[in-house]
Amino acid sequence: MTSPLRLGIAGLGTVGAGVVKIVRQKAELLSARSGRPIAVVAVSARNRDKDRGVSLTSYAWEDDPVTLATRDDVDVFVELMGGADGSAKAATEAALDAGKDVVTANKAMLAHHGQALAERAEANGAILRFEAAVAGGIPVIKALTEALAGNDITRVMGVMNGTCNYILTRMEGAGLSYAEAFEEADALGYLEADPELDVGGIDAAHKLALLSSIAYGTQVAFDAVELEGIGKVSIDDIRQAADMGFKIKLLGVCRMTGRGLEQRMAPCLVPEGSPLGQLDGGTNMVVIEGDQVGQIVMRGAGAGEGPTASAVMGDVMDLARGFRVSTFGQAASSLTPAVPAKTATPASFYLRMALADRPGALAKVATALGESGISIDRMRQYGHQSDAAPVLIVTHKTTRSALDQAIAAMERTGVVQAAPVALRIERV
């Protein structure tokens, strides 16, 4: 009889408990599909007594995840503790140094230490896999490293934080302010303990950095991601974008250009009829464009017990079958340092401002745009608010640096009553 693949699971929260349930409930299916039994032999978590909805009495317990990671009877260390450093990183390093394969859902750890961990895995003949770290149940890592490996990837983009998409969707559908939708998401338990990880775009930017590395053969460069959260998006922006046929999404985009690697995570306008424009609620979507395959759209649950545990088990099953692929799809030593693009690809921009209600105000704004080389595609003026005139402008393609120059010039005219809101329009 073929020997079982023995798992040691560190972290028994929602996802860890979900993995245990799959292994227990689907033992025959897993064995039939992988050609060998899959067994949990030991676990580790901070609290032994917590009710996790599944019995753990048949497994050895280790208080120290590093000890778990180096047990002789563990073949694959499954790291589900989270956190960029601390116990998660120490236990992962210990497992790799012991020559054990590692499966993790830890996007923060990989975004900050992915290159070093990939090199460590290869030096010890081990495999490090992380399907569950990006977009939950959507198999985007497998798609990039395997199915699309024969493509030059021209662009990767997506909505990769369900909480932000939920907030923006609720603002649009229920007419809520950002603060109201934020409070609702918090009450439902959708926000991280540090909400800035979600609404500040940090969580999604971790994921984007990992996808960039695979897509373009570069070392993970999270610090090079241009990052902006959704906190400045107002209900007025959402309504006025909809009035022109757009939806606002926290959108991650990466592409390789002649200027270097672009990585952006920021609120953008997308056409309402596009796949991204039709994405509602807490769902994730990743769009991959390749020179051979064209455009691939993948949509699904980006978090939760079932979807994320499913992704973990996908990696476990590959290891059980003997399928071994480098962490980022090619040898870590062949990954090149990412050179950040100094200027982003030109695009149209949405620009909202409140102008002083006086003759010549709009002309001064148009002059500031023109002197920065920016032409106006569309312009709308909405009903007056006391002594202010709300104005909406959509530009023709320009660079963000040129737009920032124009905004600075507008503010010097004295006719702009508050800092203008500028959002990129991403064509899908």
Protein backbone atom coordinates (compact mmCIF):
# COMPACT_ATOMS: atom_id res chain seq x y z
CA MET A 1 0.00 0.00 0.00
CA THR A 2 1.24 3.49 -0.87
CA SER A 3 2.31 5.43 2.19
CA PRO A 4 0.12 8.41 3.20
CA LEU A 5 1.15 12.02 2.74
CA ARG A 6 1.35 13.26 6.32
CA LEU A 7 0.34 16.84 7.13
CA GLY A 8 1.22 19.06 10.07
CA ILE A 9 -1.13 22.04 10.28
CA ALA A 10 -0.16 25.20 12.15
CA GLY A 11 -3.07 27.56 12.66
CA LEU A 12 -6.56 26.25 13.34
CA GLY A 13 -8.70 29.24 12.58
CA THR A 14 -11.38 29.25 9.92
CA VAL A 15 -9.13 27.97 7.14
CA GLY A 16 -7.14 25.49 9.24
CA ALA A 17 -10.33 23.91 10.58
CA GLY A 18 -11.65 23.80 7.02
CA VAL A 19 -8.61 21.86 5.84
CA VAL A 20 -9.02 19.33 8.66
CA LYS A 21 -12.69 18.88 7.70
CA ILE A 22 -11.83 18.22 4.06
CA VAL A 23 -9.18 15.65 4.97
CA ARG A 24 -11.57 13.86 7.35
CA GLN A 25 -14.73 14.04 5.27
CA LYS A 26 -13.27 13.38 1.83
CA ALA A 27 -10.60 10.80 2.64
CA GLU A 28 -11.65 8.32 -0.05
CA LEU A 29 -11.99 10.97 -2.75
CA LEU A 30 -8.59 12.48 -1.94
CA SER A 31 -6.92 9.07 -1.98
CA ALA A 32 -8.54 8.12 -5.28
CA ARG A 33 -7.52 11.37 -6.96
CA SER A 34 -3.98 11.56 -5.62
CA GLY A 35 -3.11 7.86 -5.61
CA ARG A 36 -2.26 7.84 -1.92
CA PRO A 37 -3.96 8.58 1.42
CA ILE A 38 -3.80 12.10 2.86
CA ALA A 39 -3.55 12.22 6.66
CA VAL A 40 -3.26 14.92 9.31
CA VAL A 41 -0.82 13.71 11.95
CA ALA A 42 -0.17 16.80 14.11
CA VAL A 43 -1.51 20.31 14.67
CA SER A 44 -0.60 23.52 16.46
CA ALA A 45 -2.55 26.59 17.56
CA ARG A 46 -2.59 29.11 20.39
CA ASN A 47 -5.63 27.63 22.13
CA ARG A 48 -6.11 23.89 22.64
CA ASP A 49 -9.59 24.18 24.11
CA LYS A 50 -11.38 26.24 21.46
CA ASP A 51 -14.33 24.55 19.74
CA ARG A 52 -13.46 24.45 16.05
CA GLY A 53 -16.35 22.33 14.87
CA VAL A 54 -14.16 19.31 14.17
CA SER A 55 -12.50 16.78 16.47
CA LEU A 56 -8.73 17.09 16.89
CA THR A 57 -8.26 14.35 19.50
CA SER A 58 -6.65 11.90 17.08
CA TYR A 59 -3.82 14.30 16.20
CA ALA A 60 -0.63 15.08 18.10
CA TRP A 61 -0.57 18.61 19.51
CA GLU A 62 2.45 20.91 19.48
CA ASP A 63 2.37 24.23 21.31
CA ASP A 64 5.35 25.44 19.27
CA PRO A 65 4.76 25.57 15.49
CA VAL A 66 8.51 25.32 14.87
CA THR A 67 8.53 21.97 16.66
CA LEU A 68 5.56 20.89 14.54
CA ALA A 69 7.35 21.95 11.37
CA THR A 70 10.33 19.70 12.12
CA ARG A 71 8.56 16.56 13.33
CA ASP A 72 9.86 13.38 11.71
CA ASP A 73 6.33 12.19 10.92
CA VAL A 74 5.35 15.37 9.01
CA ASP A 75 5.91 15.39 5.24
CA VAL A 76 4.14 18.68 4.45
CA PHE A 77 3.97 21.65 6.80
CA VAL A 78 0.73 23.61 6.26
CA GLU A 79 1.18 27.17 7.55
CA LEU A 80 -2.13 28.93 8.23
CA MET A 81 -1.17 31.22 11.11
CA GLY A 82 -0.71 34.42 9.12
CA GLY A 83 1.56 37.40 9.72
CA ALA A 84 4.56 38.53 7.73
CA ASP A 85 7.07 37.59 10.42
CA GLY A 86 7.08 35.95 13.84
CA SER A 87 6.02 32.34 14.31
CA ALA A 88 4.76 31.89 10.76
CA LYS A 89 8.07 32.85 9.18
CA ALA A 90 10.18 31.00 11.76
CA ALA A 91 8.19 27.77 11.36
CA THR A 92 8.20 28.01 7.57
CA GLU A 93 11.96 28.48 7.54
CA ALA A 94 12.41 25.55 9.93
CA ALA A 95 10.30 23.29 7.73
CA LEU A 96 12.19 24.24 4.58
CA ASP A 97 15.56 23.79 6.31
CA ALA A 98 14.41 20.29 7.28
CA GLY A 99 13.65 19.57 3.60
CA LYS A 100 9.89 19.50 4.14
CA ASP A 101 7.43 20.86 1.60
CA VAL A 102 5.33 23.84 2.72
CA VAL A 103 1.83 24.92 1.75
CA THR A 104 0.78 28.35 2.99
CA ALA A 105 -2.04 30.88 2.65
CA ASN A 106 0.18 33.68 3.99
CA LYS A 107 0.26 36.47 1.41
CA ALA A 108 1.94 38.98 3.73
CA MET A 109 4.85 36.66 4.51
CA LEU A 110 5.41 35.90 0.84
CA ALA A 111 5.03 39.51 -0.28
CA HIS A 112 7.78 40.56 2.13
CA HIS A 113 10.01 37.47 2.16
CA GLY A 114 9.02 35.46 -0.91
CA GLN A 115 12.36 35.60 -2.70
CA ALA A 116 14.35 34.50 0.34
CA LEU A 117 11.89 31.70 1.12
CA ALA A 118 11.88 30.49 -2.49
CA GLU A 119 15.68 30.35 -2.48
CA ARG A 120 15.60 28.53 0.85
CA ALA A 121 13.15 25.96 -0.50
CA GLU A 122 15.29 25.24 -3.55
CA ALA A 123 18.49 25.00 -1.52
CA ASN A 124 16.87 22.25 0.55
CA GLY A 125 15.07 20.40 -2.24
CA ALA A 126 11.69 21.46 -0.89
CA ILE A 127 8.59 22.93 -2.50
CA LEU A 128 6.77 26.06 -1.31
CA ARG A 129 3.22 26.52 -2.65
CA PHE A 130 0.67 29.27 -1.95
CA GLU A 131 -2.48 28.98 -4.08
CA ALA A 132 -4.64 29.98 -1.10
CA ALA A 133 -2.73 33.24 -0.60
CA VAL A 134 -4.28 34.94 -3.64
CA ALA A 135 -8.00 35.23 -4.45
CA GLY A 136 -9.19 32.42 -2.18
CA GLY A 137 -10.77 29.63 -4.17
CA ILE A 138 -9.81 31.00 -7.60
CA PRO A 139 -6.90 28.88 -8.97
CA VAL A 140 -5.00 31.87 -10.33
CA ILE A 141 -1.52 30.73 -9.18
CA LYS A 142 -1.95 27.39 -10.93
CA ALA A 143 -3.22 29.16 -14.05
CA LEU A 144 -0.17 31.41 -14.26
CA THR A 145 2.50 28.85 -13.32
CA GLU A 146 1.07 25.97 -15.35
CA ALA A 147 -1.79 26.45 -17.81
CA LEU A 148 -0.57 29.79 -19.17
CA ALA A 149 3.17 29.10 -18.95
CA GLY A 150 3.47 29.25 -22.76
CA ASN A 151 2.24 32.85 -22.87
CA ASP A 152 3.92 36.19 -22.57
CA ILE A 153 1.60 37.83 -20.06
CA THR A 154 0.63 41.30 -21.24
CA ARG A 155 -1.52 42.37 -18.29
CA VAL A 156 -2.90 41.01 -15.02
CA MET A 157 -5.65 42.88 -13.22
CA GLY A 158 -8.33 42.14 -10.74
CA VAL A 159 -10.50 42.82 -7.73
CA MET A 160 -8.69 40.92 -5.01
CA ASN A 161 -10.23 42.17 -1.78
CA GLY A 162 -13.81 41.15 -1.23
CA THR A 163 -14.33 43.54 1.68
CA CYS A 164 -13.55 46.59 -0.45
CA ASN A 165 -15.78 45.32 -3.23
CA TYR A 166 -18.56 44.76 -0.72
CA ILE A 167 -18.23 48.32 0.62
CA LEU A 168 -18.24 49.90 -2.84
CA THR A 169 -21.16 47.72 -3.95
CA ARG A 170 -23.20 48.67 -0.87
CA MET A 171 -22.44 52.36 -1.39
CA GLU A 172 -23.78 52.09 -4.92
CA GLY A 173 -26.75 49.80 -4.29
CA ALA A 174 -28.01 51.29 -1.02
CA GLY A 175 -26.83 54.87 -1.41
CA LEU A 176 -24.66 54.59 1.70
CA SER A 177 -21.77 56.88 2.54
CA TYR A 178 -18.33 55.34 2.82
CA ALA A 179 -18.52 55.57 6.62
CA GLU A 180 -21.92 53.83 6.72
CA ALA A 181 -20.81 51.00 4.43
CA PHE A 182 -17.59 50.62 6.42
CA GLU A 183 -19.52 50.27 9.68
CA GLU A 184 -21.84 47.71 8.10
CA ALA A 185 -18.90 45.62 6.85
CA ASP A 186 -17.30 45.81 10.27
CA ALA A 187 -20.51 44.66 11.99
CA LEU A 188 -20.66 41.66 9.64
CA GLY A 189 -17.08 40.68 10.55
CA TYR A 190 -15.68 41.33 7.08
CA LEU A 191 -12.83 43.62 8.17
CA GLU A 192 -9.40 42.54 9.36
CA ALA A 193 -8.40 43.36 12.95
CA ASP A 194 -6.47 46.22 11.35
CA PRO A 195 -9.05 47.55 8.83
CA GLU A 196 -6.36 49.43 6.91
CA LEU A 197 -5.15 46.08 5.56
CA ASP A 198 -8.47 45.90 3.70
CA VAL A 199 -9.63 49.43 2.92
CA GLY A 200 -6.08 50.76 2.54
CA GLY A 201 -5.45 48.22 -0.23
CA ILE A 202 -2.52 46.56 1.56
CA ASP A 203 -4.02 43.05 1.57
CA ALA A 204 -4.79 43.26 -2.16
CA ALA A 205 -1.38 44.76 -2.93
CA HIS A 206 0.32 41.76 -1.28
CA LYS A 207 -1.56 39.53 -3.71
CA LEU A 208 -0.76 41.72 -6.71
CA ALA A 209 2.96 41.61 -5.93
CA LEU A 210 2.87 37.80 -5.93
CA LEU A 211 1.03 37.64 -9.25
CA SER A 212 3.51 40.11 -10.79
CA SER A 213 6.43 37.91 -9.81
CA ILE A 214 4.93 34.86 -11.51
CA ALA A 215 3.69 36.73 -14.58
CA TYR A 216 6.95 38.54 -15.33
CA GLY A 217 9.71 36.44 -13.78
CA THR A 218 10.70 39.12 -11.29
CA GLN A 219 11.54 39.03 -7.62
CA VAL A 220 8.58 39.98 -5.43
CA ALA A 221 8.54 43.76 -5.06
CA PHE A 222 5.68 44.70 -2.75
CA ASP A 223 7.34 47.99 -1.80
CA ALA A 224 7.15 49.04 -5.47
CA VAL A 225 3.34 48.74 -5.67
CA GLU A 226 1.69 52.15 -6.12
CA LEU A 227 -0.93 51.97 -3.40
CA GLU A 228 -4.12 53.90 -2.67
CA GLY A 229 -7.12 52.72 -0.65
CA ILE A 230 -10.82 53.43 -1.05
CA GLY A 231 -11.22 55.88 1.85
CA LYS A 232 -11.51 58.94 -0.42
CA VAL A 233 -14.22 57.46 -2.65
CA SER A 234 -17.53 59.22 -1.96
CA ILE A 235 -21.11 58.37 -2.82
CA ASP A 236 -20.96 61.34 -5.24
CA ASP A 237 -18.09 59.67 -7.11
CA ILE A 238 -20.03 56.42 -7.36
CA ARG A 239 -23.20 58.13 -8.59
CA GLN A 240 -21.44 60.33 -11.10
CA ALA A 241 -19.31 57.49 -12.41
CA ALA A 242 -22.50 55.46 -12.90
CA ASP A 243 -24.06 58.41 -14.71
CA MET A 244 -21.31 58.08 -17.32
CA GLY A 245 -21.43 54.28 -17.56
CA PHE A 246 -18.69 53.31 -15.11
CA LYS A 247 -18.30 51.44 -11.82
CA ILE A 248 -15.61 52.14 -9.22
CA LYS A 249 -13.50 49.19 -8.06
CA LEU A 250 -10.35 48.78 -6.00
CA LEU A 251 -8.38 47.42 -8.92
CA GLY A 252 -4.94 45.88 -9.03
CA VAL A 253 -3.07 46.09 -12.32
CA CYS A 254 0.39 44.91 -13.28
CA ARG A 255 2.13 44.94 -16.64
CA MET A 256 5.67 44.98 -17.98
CA THR A 257 6.50 48.02 -20.08
CA GLY A 258 9.60 49.44 -21.74
CA ARG A 259 9.93 51.69 -18.68
CA GLY A 260 9.81 48.81 -16.20
CA LEU A 261 7.21 46.93 -14.15
CA GLU A 262 3.96 48.72 -13.38
CA GLN A 263 2.18 47.60 -10.23
CA ARG A 264 -0.85 49.63 -9.14
CA MET A 265 -3.52 49.00 -6.52
CA ALA A 266 -5.98 51.88 -6.44
CA PRO A 267 -9.64 52.81 -6.99
CA CYS A 268 -10.34 52.88 -10.73
CA LEU A 269 -13.30 53.35 -13.00
CA VAL A 270 -14.16 50.36 -15.21
CA PRO A 271 -16.94 50.11 -17.84
CA GLU A 272 -20.15 48.98 -16.14
CA GLY A 273 -20.76 46.33 -18.81
CA SER A 274 -17.33 44.72 -18.39
CA PRO A 275 -16.81 41.58 -16.29
CA LEU A 276 -15.16 43.70 -13.58
CA GLY A 277 -17.96 46.26 -13.74
CA GLN A 278 -20.56 43.57 -13.12
CA LEU A 279 -18.75 42.13 -10.10
CA ASP A 280 -20.83 42.66 -6.96
CA GLY A 281 -20.52 41.90 -3.26
CA GLY A 282 -17.54 40.15 -1.73
CA THR A 283 -16.58 38.19 -4.85
CA ASN A 284 -13.08 38.35 -6.36
CA MET A 285 -12.12 38.42 -10.03
CA VAL A 286 -8.77 38.09 -11.77
CA VAL A 287 -8.28 38.91 -15.45
CA ILE A 288 -5.17 37.61 -17.21
CA GLU A 289 -4.17 38.63 -20.73
CA GLY A 290 -1.61 36.60 -22.67
CA ASP A 291 -0.20 36.91 -26.18
CA GLN A 292 -1.43 33.44 -27.16
CA VAL A 293 -4.58 32.91 -25.13
CA GLY A 294 -6.06 36.40 -25.21
CA GLN A 295 -8.11 37.32 -22.16
CA ILE A 296 -8.97 34.87 -19.37
CA VAL A 297 -11.48 35.88 -16.68
CA MET A 298 -11.68 33.97 -13.39
CA ARG A 299 -14.32 34.77 -10.81
CA GLY A 300 -15.09 33.25 -7.43
CA ALA A 301 -15.08 33.48 -3.66
CA GLY A 302 -11.95 35.25 -2.46
CA ALA A 303 -12.15 34.23 1.20
CA GLY A 304 -13.98 32.00 3.63
CA GLU A 305 -13.48 28.54 5.08
CA GLY A 306 -14.50 26.42 2.10
CA PRO A 307 -12.89 28.35 -0.79
CA THR A 308 -9.58 28.97 0.96
CA ALA A 309 -9.31 25.45 2.37
CA SER A 310 -10.08 24.16 -1.13
CA ALA A 311 -7.11 26.11 -2.47
CA VAL A 312 -4.85 24.73 0.28
CA MET A 313 -5.91 21.20 -0.61
CA GLY A 314 -5.20 21.84 -4.28
CA ASP A 315 -1.54 22.40 -3.38
CA VAL A 316 -1.53 19.40 -1.04
CA MET A 317 -2.94 17.18 -3.79
CA ASP A 318 -0.24 18.29 -6.24
CA LEU A 319 2.41 17.28 -3.71
CA ALA A 320 0.67 13.96 -3.10
CA ARG A 321 0.76 13.27 -6.83
CA GLY A 322 4.46 14.08 -6.98
CA PHE A 323 3.98 17.26 -9.00
CA ARG A 324 6.70 19.74 -8.10
CA VAL A 325 7.02 23.25 -9.48
CA SER A 326 9.16 26.18 -8.35
CA THR A 327 7.55 28.70 -6.02
CA PHE A 328 7.08 31.45 -8.59
CA GLY A 329 6.96 29.22 -11.65
CA GLN A 330 10.69 29.24 -12.38
CA ALA A 331 13.91 28.83 -10.44
CA ALA A 332 14.29 31.49 -7.77
CA SER A 333 17.83 32.19 -8.97
CA SER A 334 16.45 33.13 -12.42
CA LEU A 335 14.03 35.77 -11.08
CA THR A 336 15.30 39.25 -11.90
CA PRO A 337 15.02 42.30 -9.63
CA ALA A 338 11.92 44.29 -10.56
CA VAL A 339 12.63 47.71 -12.03
CA PRO A 340 9.60 49.89 -11.17
CA ALA A 341 8.19 51.88 -14.07
CA LYS A 342 8.82 55.55 -13.43
CA THR A 343 5.73 56.63 -15.36
CA ALA A 344 2.51 54.65 -15.63
CA THR A 345 0.92 53.81 -18.96
CA PRO A 346 -1.23 56.76 -20.12
CA ALA A 347 -4.96 56.52 -19.43
CA SER A 348 -8.07 58.61 -19.27
CA PHE A 349 -8.94 60.02 -15.86
CA TYR A 350 -12.11 60.94 -14.00
CA LEU A 351 -11.77 64.30 -12.24
CA ARG A 352 -14.31 65.66 -9.75
CA MET A 353 -14.07 69.10 -8.18
CA ALA A 354 -16.16 71.87 -6.66
CA LEU A 355 -15.53 75.27 -8.23
CA ALA A 356 -16.27 78.68 -6.82
CA ASP A 357 -19.47 79.99 -8.40
CA ARG A 358 -17.93 82.94 -10.19
CA PRO A 359 -17.37 83.93 -13.83
CA GLY A 360 -14.27 82.42 -15.47
CA ALA A 361 -13.77 79.61 -12.92
CA LEU A 362 -14.25 76.81 -15.43
CA ALA A 363 -12.03 78.57 -17.97
CA LYS A 364 -9.18 78.63 -15.45
CA VAL A 365 -9.53 74.87 -14.90
CA ALA A 366 -9.52 74.22 -18.65
CA THR A 367 -6.44 76.41 -19.03
CA ALA A 368 -4.58 74.50 -16.29
CA LEU A 369 -5.36 71.21 -18.04
CA GLY A 370 -4.37 72.55 -21.44
CA GLU A 371 -1.06 73.94 -20.21
CA SER A 372 -0.25 70.44 -18.87
CA GLY A 373 -1.00 68.91 -22.27
CA ILE A 374 -4.34 67.39 -21.20
CA SER A 375 -7.43 67.57 -23.36
CA ILE A 376 -11.00 67.16 -22.14
CA ASP A 377 -13.12 64.29 -23.44
CA ARG A 378 -16.33 64.98 -21.50
CA MET A 379 -17.43 67.52 -18.95
CA ARG A 380 -20.57 67.83 -16.84
CA GLN A 381 -21.73 70.39 -14.33
CA TYR A 382 -24.24 69.36 -11.68
CA GLY A 383 -26.66 71.38 -9.56
CA HIS A 384 -25.17 74.15 -7.45
CA GLN A 385 -24.45 73.46 -3.80
CA SER A 386 -24.59 76.80 -1.89
CA ASP A 387 -21.77 78.83 -3.49
CA ALA A 388 -20.07 75.85 -5.18
CA ALA A 389 -20.51 74.38 -8.64
CA PRO A 390 -19.80 70.62 -8.79
CA VAL A 391 -17.94 69.80 -12.02
CA LEU A 392 -17.00 66.44 -13.48
CA ILE A 393 -14.35 66.04 -16.19
CA VAL A 394 -13.19 62.98 -18.10
CA THR A 395 -9.85 63.54 -19.80
CA HIS A 396 -8.37 61.99 -22.88
CA LYS A 397 -5.36 59.75 -22.23
CA THR A 398 -2.65 61.35 -20.16
CA THR A 399 -0.17 60.43 -17.44
CA ARG A 400 -0.81 60.73 -13.74
CA SER A 401 2.21 63.00 -13.38
CA ALA A 402 0.78 65.43 -15.97
CA LEU A 403 -2.59 65.32 -14.21
CA ASP A 404 -0.99 66.03 -10.83
CA GLN A 405 0.77 69.01 -12.39
CA ALA A 406 -2.55 70.29 -13.73
CA ILE A 407 -4.30 69.81 -10.38
CA ALA A 408 -1.56 71.77 -8.62
CA ALA A 409 -2.03 74.58 -11.14
CA MET A 410 -5.82 74.52 -10.61
CA GLU A 411 -5.43 74.83 -6.86
CA ARG A 412 -3.23 77.91 -7.33
CA THR A 413 -6.02 79.70 -9.22
CA GLY A 414 -8.17 79.98 -6.09
CA VAL A 415 -11.31 78.72 -7.84
CA VAL A 416 -11.09 75.11 -6.64
CA GLN A 417 -12.78 74.84 -3.24
CA ALA A 418 -11.36 71.45 -2.18
CA ALA A 419 -8.73 69.04 -3.41
CA PRO A 420 -10.03 67.47 -6.64
CA VAL A 421 -10.66 63.71 -6.72
CA ALA A 422 -8.82 61.98 -9.59
CA LEU A 423 -9.43 58.33 -10.51
CA ARG A 424 -7.89 56.38 -13.36
CA ILE A 425 -10.17 54.81 -15.96
CA GLU A 426 -8.99 51.29 -16.78
CA ARG A 427 -10.23 49.85 -20.05
CA VAL A 428 -11.11 46.16 -19.80
